[in-house]
């Protein structure tokens, strides 16, 4: 019975979040141009690949390391920041036409936040903090839609990407604020 509850909680929160994004999509499509949506789609695809590269899938190590939680967090966070910086700098030095449209700092922010989301998500699952994970994920999806609408209304051209970064940071803050595993001692 517990497995069914966990499954319903996790899938239910994601379904509600995705439903909210689906509901606000017509409004977002009125605010942003097709070109801005295209840049956002390519950006998302590229960042998804580089987030995996920059984190080196370090979040999967957590399942092996149970007694060194404090060391894991410090080392994992440091590795993600260092590798994300290196990947972002390499991308900006390649000077590809796509990346000239987006600020390198924004690209770095998305990679770092995506890497931390992977890390914190795996820790939530490993520590059986399903409520924290589902609330944080739902908050991330809803806030991404709201931030996208607000930033687009203010005329921010890369509002879709900035809303993604803000929503991912909100996820990280919610997880870090509620997880006992993060607090050493």
C-alpha atoms as a PDB file:
ATOM      1  CA  UNK A   1       0.000   0.000   0.000  1.00  0.00           C
ATOM      2  CA  UNK A   2       2.883   2.394   0.788  1.00  0.00           C
ATOM      3  CA  UNK A   3       4.252   1.968  -2.737  1.00  0.00           C
ATOM      4  CA  UNK A   4       0.908   3.009  -4.218  1.00  0.00           C
ATOM      5  CA  UNK A   5       0.809   6.113  -1.998  1.00  0.00           C
ATOM      6  CA  UNK A   6       4.334   7.129  -2.997  1.00  0.00           C
ATOM      7  CA  UNK A   7       3.575   6.530  -6.661  1.00  0.00           C
ATOM      8  CA  UNK A   8       0.362   8.576  -6.477  1.00  0.00           C
ATOM      9  CA  UNK A   9       2.073  11.411  -4.613  1.00  0.00           C
ATOM     10  CA  UNK A  10       4.973  11.673  -7.051  1.00  0.00           C
ATOM     11  CA  UNK A  11       3.000  11.267 -10.251  1.00  0.00           C
ATOM     12  CA  UNK A  12       0.104  13.366  -8.986  1.00  0.00           C
ATOM     13  CA  UNK A  13       2.284  16.379  -8.214  1.00  0.00           C
ATOM     14  CA  UNK A  14       4.020  16.129 -11.574  1.00  0.00           C
ATOM     15  CA  UNK A  15       0.696  15.735 -13.376  1.00  0.00           C
ATOM     16  CA  UNK A  16      -0.784  18.806 -11.672  1.00  0.00           C
ATOM     17  CA  UNK A  17       2.354  20.822 -12.468  1.00  0.00           C
ATOM     18  CA  UNK A  18       2.325  19.729 -16.110  1.00  0.00           C
ATOM     19  CA  UNK A  19      -1.392  20.491 -16.314  1.00  0.00           C
ATOM     20  CA  UNK A  20      -0.714  24.009 -15.044  1.00  0.00           C
ATOM     21  CA  UNK A  21       1.983  24.485 -17.702  1.00  0.00           C
ATOM     22  CA  UNK A  22      -0.473  23.205 -20.318  1.00  0.00           C
ATOM     23  CA  UNK A  23      -3.110  25.682 -19.127  1.00  0.00           C
ATOM     24  CA  UNK A  24      -0.762  28.701 -19.234  1.00  0.00           C
ATOM     25  CA  UNK A  25       0.823  27.753 -22.571  1.00  0.00           C
ATOM     26  CA  UNK A  26      -1.765  29.659 -24.653  1.00  0.00           C
ATOM     27  CA  UNK A  27      -1.030  32.761 -22.609  1.00  0.00           C
ATOM     28  CA  UNK A  28       2.718  32.259 -22.945  1.00  0.00           C
ATOM     29  CA  UNK A  29       2.347  31.796 -26.703  1.00  0.00           C
ATOM     30  CA  UNK A  30       0.663  35.211 -26.901  1.00  0.00           C
ATOM     31  CA  UNK A  31       3.463  36.854 -24.932  1.00  0.00           C
ATOM     32  CA  UNK A  32       6.497  35.253 -26.604  1.00  0.00           C
ATOM     33  CA  UNK A  33       7.311  35.049 -30.306  1.00  0.00           C
ATOM     34  CA  UNK A  34       7.860  31.759 -32.139  1.00  0.00           C
ATOM     35  CA  UNK A  35      11.542  32.683 -32.402  1.00  0.00           C
ATOM     36  CA  UNK A  36      11.787  33.031 -28.612  1.00  0.00           C
ATOM     37  CA  UNK A  37      10.108  29.643 -28.199  1.00  0.00           C
ATOM     38  CA  UNK A  38      12.539  28.139 -30.688  1.00  0.00           C
ATOM     39  CA  UNK A  39      15.548  29.541 -28.842  1.00  0.00           C
ATOM     40  CA  UNK A  40      14.098  28.243 -25.574  1.00  0.00           C
ATOM     41  CA  UNK A  41      13.582  24.752 -27.041  1.00  0.00           C
ATOM     42  CA  UNK A  42      17.111  24.516 -28.427  1.00  0.00           C
ATOM     43  CA  UNK A  43      18.482  25.989 -25.230  1.00  0.00           C
ATOM     44  CA  UNK A  44      16.646  23.401 -23.157  1.00  0.00           C
ATOM     45  CA  UNK A  45      17.953  20.548 -25.291  1.00  0.00           C
ATOM     46  CA  UNK A  46      21.548  21.765 -25.127  1.00  0.00           C
ATOM     47  CA  UNK A  47      21.397  22.474 -21.394  1.00  0.00           C
ATOM     48  CA  UNK A  48      19.932  19.024 -20.698  1.00  0.00           C
ATOM     49  CA  UNK A  49      22.940  17.417 -22.323  1.00  0.00           C
ATOM     50  CA  UNK A  50      25.496  19.694 -20.670  1.00  0.00           C
ATOM     51  CA  UNK A  51      23.874  19.360 -17.238  1.00  0.00           C
ATOM     52  CA  UNK A  52      24.547  15.633 -17.360  1.00  0.00           C
ATOM     53  CA  UNK A  53      28.113  16.214 -18.542  1.00  0.00           C
ATOM     54  CA  UNK A  54      28.818  18.902 -15.935  1.00  0.00           C
ATOM     55  CA  UNK A  55      27.475  16.884 -13.013  1.00  0.00           C
ATOM     56  CA  UNK A  56      29.121  13.662 -14.253  1.00  0.00           C
ATOM     57  CA  UNK A  57      25.990  11.951 -12.853  1.00  0.00           C
ATOM     58  CA  UNK A  58      27.542  12.467  -9.422  1.00  0.00           C
ATOM     59  CA  UNK A  59      24.083  12.314  -7.839  1.00  0.00           C
ATOM     60  CA  UNK A  60      24.039   8.548  -8.376  1.00  0.00           C
ATOM     61  CA  UNK A  61      26.979   8.157  -5.957  1.00  0.00           C
ATOM     62  CA  UNK A  62      24.678   9.082  -3.086  1.00  0.00           C
ATOM     63  CA  UNK A  63      23.159   5.620  -3.130  1.00  0.00           C
ATOM     64  CA  UNK A  64      26.597   4.166  -2.369  1.00  0.00           C
ATOM     65  CA  UNK A  65      27.780   6.720   0.216  1.00  0.00           C
ATOM     66  CA  UNK A  66      25.537   6.649   3.276  1.00  0.00           C
ATOM     67  CA  UNK A  67      27.897   7.361   6.190  1.00  0.00           C
ATOM     68  CA  UNK A  68      29.694  10.347   4.679  1.00  0.00           C
ATOM     69  CA  UNK A  69      26.705  12.574   3.940  1.00  0.00           C
ATOM     70  CA  UNK A  70      28.422  15.826   4.855  1.00  0.00           C
ATOM     71  CA  UNK A  71      31.471  15.023   2.727  1.00  0.00           C
ATOM     72  CA  UNK A  72      29.203  13.947  -0.116  1.00  0.00           C
ATOM     73  CA  UNK A  73      27.342  17.264  -0.141  1.00  0.00           C
ATOM     74  CA  UNK A  74      30.492  19.357  -0.012  1.00  0.00           C
ATOM     75  CA  UNK A  75      32.311  17.328  -2.651  1.00  0.00           C
ATOM     76  CA  UNK A  76      29.256  16.982  -4.885  1.00  0.00           C
ATOM     77  CA  UNK A  77      28.412  20.664  -4.792  1.00  0.00           C
ATOM     78  CA  UNK A  78      32.015  21.615  -5.460  1.00  0.00           C
ATOM     79  CA  UNK A  79      32.319  19.221  -8.375  1.00  0.00           C
ATOM     80  CA  UNK A  80      29.093  20.435  -9.951  1.00  0.00           C
ATOM     81  CA  UNK A  81      30.144  24.071  -9.678  1.00  0.00           C
ATOM     82  CA  UNK A  82      33.633  23.445 -11.033  1.00  0.00           C
ATOM     83  CA  UNK A  83      32.510  21.261 -13.929  1.00  0.00           C
ATOM     84  CA  UNK A  84      29.621  23.569 -14.791  1.00  0.00           C
ATOM     85  CA  UNK A  85      32.007  26.497 -14.911  1.00  0.00           C
ATOM     86  CA  UNK A  86      34.396  24.617 -17.185  1.00  0.00           C
ATOM     87  CA  UNK A  87      31.623  23.479 -19.521  1.00  0.00           C
ATOM     88  CA  UNK A  88      30.126  26.983 -19.666  1.00  0.00           C
ATOM     89  CA  UNK A  89      33.487  28.570 -20.395  1.00  0.00           C
ATOM     90  CA  UNK A  90      34.190  26.053 -23.144  1.00  0.00           C
ATOM     91  CA  UNK A  91      30.814  26.754 -24.709  1.00  0.00           C
ATOM     92  CA  UNK A  92      31.338  30.497 -24.588  1.00  0.00           C
ATOM     93  CA  UNK A  93      34.812  30.149 -26.144  1.00  0.00           C
ATOM     94  CA  UNK A  94      33.415  28.039 -28.975  1.00  0.00           C
ATOM     95  CA  UNK A  95      31.457  31.176 -29.909  1.00  0.00           C
ATOM     96  CA  UNK A  96      28.638  29.299 -31.588  1.00  0.00           C
ATOM     97  CA  UNK A  97      25.968  31.479 -33.168  1.00  0.00           C
ATOM     98  CA  UNK A  98      23.250  30.088 -30.890  1.00  0.00           C
ATOM     99  CA  UNK A  99      25.127  30.918 -27.712  1.00  0.00           C
ATOM    100  CA  UNK A 100      25.788  34.482 -28.802  1.00  0.00           C
ATOM    101  CA  UNK A 101      22.044  35.114 -28.437  1.00  0.00           C
ATOM    102  CA  UNK A 102      22.064  34.118 -24.764  1.00  0.00           C
ATOM    103  CA  UNK A 103      24.286  35.515 -22.082  1.00  0.00           C
ATOM    104  CA  UNK A 104      26.962  33.016 -20.960  1.00  0.00           C
ATOM    105  CA  UNK A 105      26.064  33.729 -17.316  1.00  0.00           C
ATOM    106  CA  UNK A 106      22.485  32.661 -17.978  1.00  0.00           C
ATOM    107  CA  UNK A 107      23.737  29.475 -19.643  1.00  0.00           C
ATOM    108  CA  UNK A 108      25.948  28.786 -16.623  1.00  0.00           C
ATOM    109  CA  UNK A 109      23.026  29.418 -14.257  1.00  0.00           C
ATOM    110  CA  UNK A 110      20.781  26.947 -16.046  1.00  0.00           C
ATOM    111  CA  UNK A 111      23.474  24.251 -16.112  1.00  0.00           C
ATOM    112  CA  UNK A 112      24.260  24.678 -12.421  1.00  0.00           C
ATOM    113  CA  UNK A 113      20.609  24.707 -11.355  1.00  0.00           C
ATOM    114  CA  UNK A 114      19.802  21.679 -13.541  1.00  0.00           C
ATOM    115  CA  UNK A 115      22.767  19.804 -12.061  1.00  0.00           C
ATOM    116  CA  UNK A 116      21.654  20.611  -8.524  1.00  0.00           C
ATOM    117  CA  UNK A 117      18.093  19.551  -9.310  1.00  0.00           C
ATOM    118  CA  UNK A 118      19.403  16.173 -10.446  1.00  0.00           C
ATOM    119  CA  UNK A 119      21.473  15.894  -7.266  1.00  0.00           C
ATOM    120  CA  UNK A 120      18.745  17.001  -4.852  1.00  0.00           C
ATOM    121  CA  UNK A 121      16.097  14.915  -6.593  1.00  0.00           C
ATOM    122  CA  UNK A 122      18.146  11.748  -6.225  1.00  0.00           C
ATOM    123  CA  UNK A 123      18.859  12.529  -2.574  1.00  0.00           C
ATOM    124  CA  UNK A 124      15.136  13.064  -1.914  1.00  0.00           C
ATOM    125  CA  UNK A 125      14.327   9.717  -3.480  1.00  0.00           C
ATOM    126  CA  UNK A 126      17.182   7.949  -1.666  1.00  0.00           C
ATOM    127  CA  UNK A 127      16.157   9.403   1.692  1.00  0.00           C
ATOM    128  CA  UNK A 128      12.472   8.646   1.027  1.00  0.00           C
ATOM    129  CA  UNK A 129      11.534  12.334   1.283  1.00  0.00           C
ATOM    130  CA  UNK A 130       8.750  11.948  -1.254  1.00  0.00           C
ATOM    131  CA  UNK A 131       6.573  14.749   0.139  1.00  0.00           C
ATOM    132  CA  UNK A 132       9.420  17.245  -0.056  1.00  0.00           C
ATOM    133  CA  UNK A 133      10.253  16.177  -3.596  1.00  0.00           C
ATOM    134  CA  UNK A 134       6.661  16.310  -4.837  1.00  0.00           C
ATOM    135  CA  UNK A 135       5.975  19.738  -3.287  1.00  0.00           C
ATOM    136  CA  UNK A 136       9.251  21.140  -4.630  1.00  0.00           C
ATOM    137  CA  UNK A 137       8.607  19.738  -8.118  1.00  0.00           C
ATOM    138  CA  UNK A 138       5.056  21.082  -8.187  1.00  0.00           C
ATOM    139  CA  UNK A 139       6.285  24.478  -6.991  1.00  0.00           C
ATOM    140  CA  UNK A 140       8.968  24.457  -9.667  1.00  0.00           C
ATOM    141  CA  UNK A 141       6.511  23.812 -12.492  1.00  0.00           C
ATOM    142  CA  UNK A 142       3.898  26.306 -11.289  1.00  0.00           C
ATOM    143  CA  UNK A 143       6.475  29.027 -10.611  1.00  0.00           C
ATOM    144  CA  UNK A 144       8.059  28.487 -14.024  1.00  0.00           C
ATOM    145  CA  UNK A 145       4.719  29.278 -15.663  1.00  0.00           C
ATOM    146  CA  UNK A 146       4.075  32.270 -13.416  1.00  0.00           C
ATOM    147  CA  UNK A 147       7.595  33.666 -13.827  1.00  0.00           C
ATOM    148  CA  UNK A 148       7.318  33.188 -17.585  1.00  0.00           C
ATOM    149  CA  UNK A 149       4.098  35.195 -17.699  1.00  0.00           C
ATOM    150  CA  UNK A 150       5.459  37.957 -15.440  1.00  0.00           C
ATOM    151  CA  UNK A 151       8.780  38.303 -17.241  1.00  0.00           C
ATOM    152  CA  UNK A 152       7.113  38.201 -20.637  1.00  0.00           C
ATOM    153  CA  UNK A 153       4.668  40.895 -19.546  1.00  0.00           C
ATOM    154  CA  UNK A 154       7.628  43.024 -18.463  1.00  0.00           C
ATOM    155  CA  UNK A 155       9.195  42.586 -21.905  1.00  0.00           C
ATOM    156  CA  UNK A 156      12.154  40.407 -20.914  1.00  0.00           C
ATOM    157  CA  UNK A 157      13.187  38.792 -24.190  1.00  0.00           C
ATOM    158  CA  UNK A 158      14.759  35.718 -22.634  1.00  0.00           C
ATOM    159  CA  UNK A 159      11.951  35.457 -20.063  1.00  0.00           C
ATOM    160  CA  UNK A 160      11.334  31.760 -20.735  1.00  0.00           C
ATOM    161  CA  UNK A 161      14.939  30.912 -19.905  1.00  0.00           C
ATOM    162  CA  UNK A 162      15.092  33.223 -16.891  1.00  0.00           C
ATOM    163  CA  UNK A 163      11.825  31.725 -15.601  1.00  0.00           C
ATOM    164  CA  UNK A 164      13.380  28.269 -15.920  1.00  0.00           C
ATOM    165  CA  UNK A 165      16.390  29.347 -13.841  1.00  0.00           C
ATOM    166  CA  UNK A 166      14.216  30.986 -11.175  1.00  0.00           C
ATOM    167  CA  UNK A 167      11.947  27.935 -10.946  1.00  0.00           C
ATOM    168  CA  UNK A 168      14.921  25.579 -10.664  1.00  0.00           C
ATOM    169  CA  UNK A 169      16.431  27.730  -7.926  1.00  0.00           C
ATOM    170  CA  UNK A 170      13.106  27.673  -6.091  1.00  0.00           C
ATOM    171  CA  UNK A 171      13.158  23.860  -6.260  1.00  0.00           C
ATOM    172  CA  UNK A 172      16.666  23.790  -4.777  1.00  0.00           C
ATOM    173  CA  UNK A 173      15.752  26.237  -2.001  1.00  0.00           C
ATOM    174  CA  UNK A 174      12.645  24.256  -1.066  1.00  0.00           C
ATOM    175  CA  UNK A 175      14.546  20.979  -0.931  1.00  0.00           C
ATOM    176  CA  UNK A 176      17.492  22.402   0.989  1.00  0.00           C
ATOM    177  CA  UNK A 177      15.214  24.148   3.447  1.00  0.00           C
ATOM    178  CA  UNK A 178      13.279  21.012   4.306  1.00  0.00           C
ATOM    179  CA  UNK A 179      15.760  18.158   4.106  1.00  0.00           C
ATOM    180  CA  UNK A 180      17.265  16.965   7.363  1.00  0.00           C
ATOM    181  CA  UNK A 181      19.898  15.039   5.431  1.00  0.00           C
ATOM    182  CA  UNK A 182      21.513  18.287   4.333  1.00  0.00           C
ATOM    183  CA  UNK A 183      22.025  19.537   7.856  1.00  0.00           C
ATOM    184  CA  UNK A 184      25.137  17.767   9.178  1.00  0.00           C
ATOM    185  CA  UNK A 185      25.176  16.566  12.725  1.00  0.00           C
END
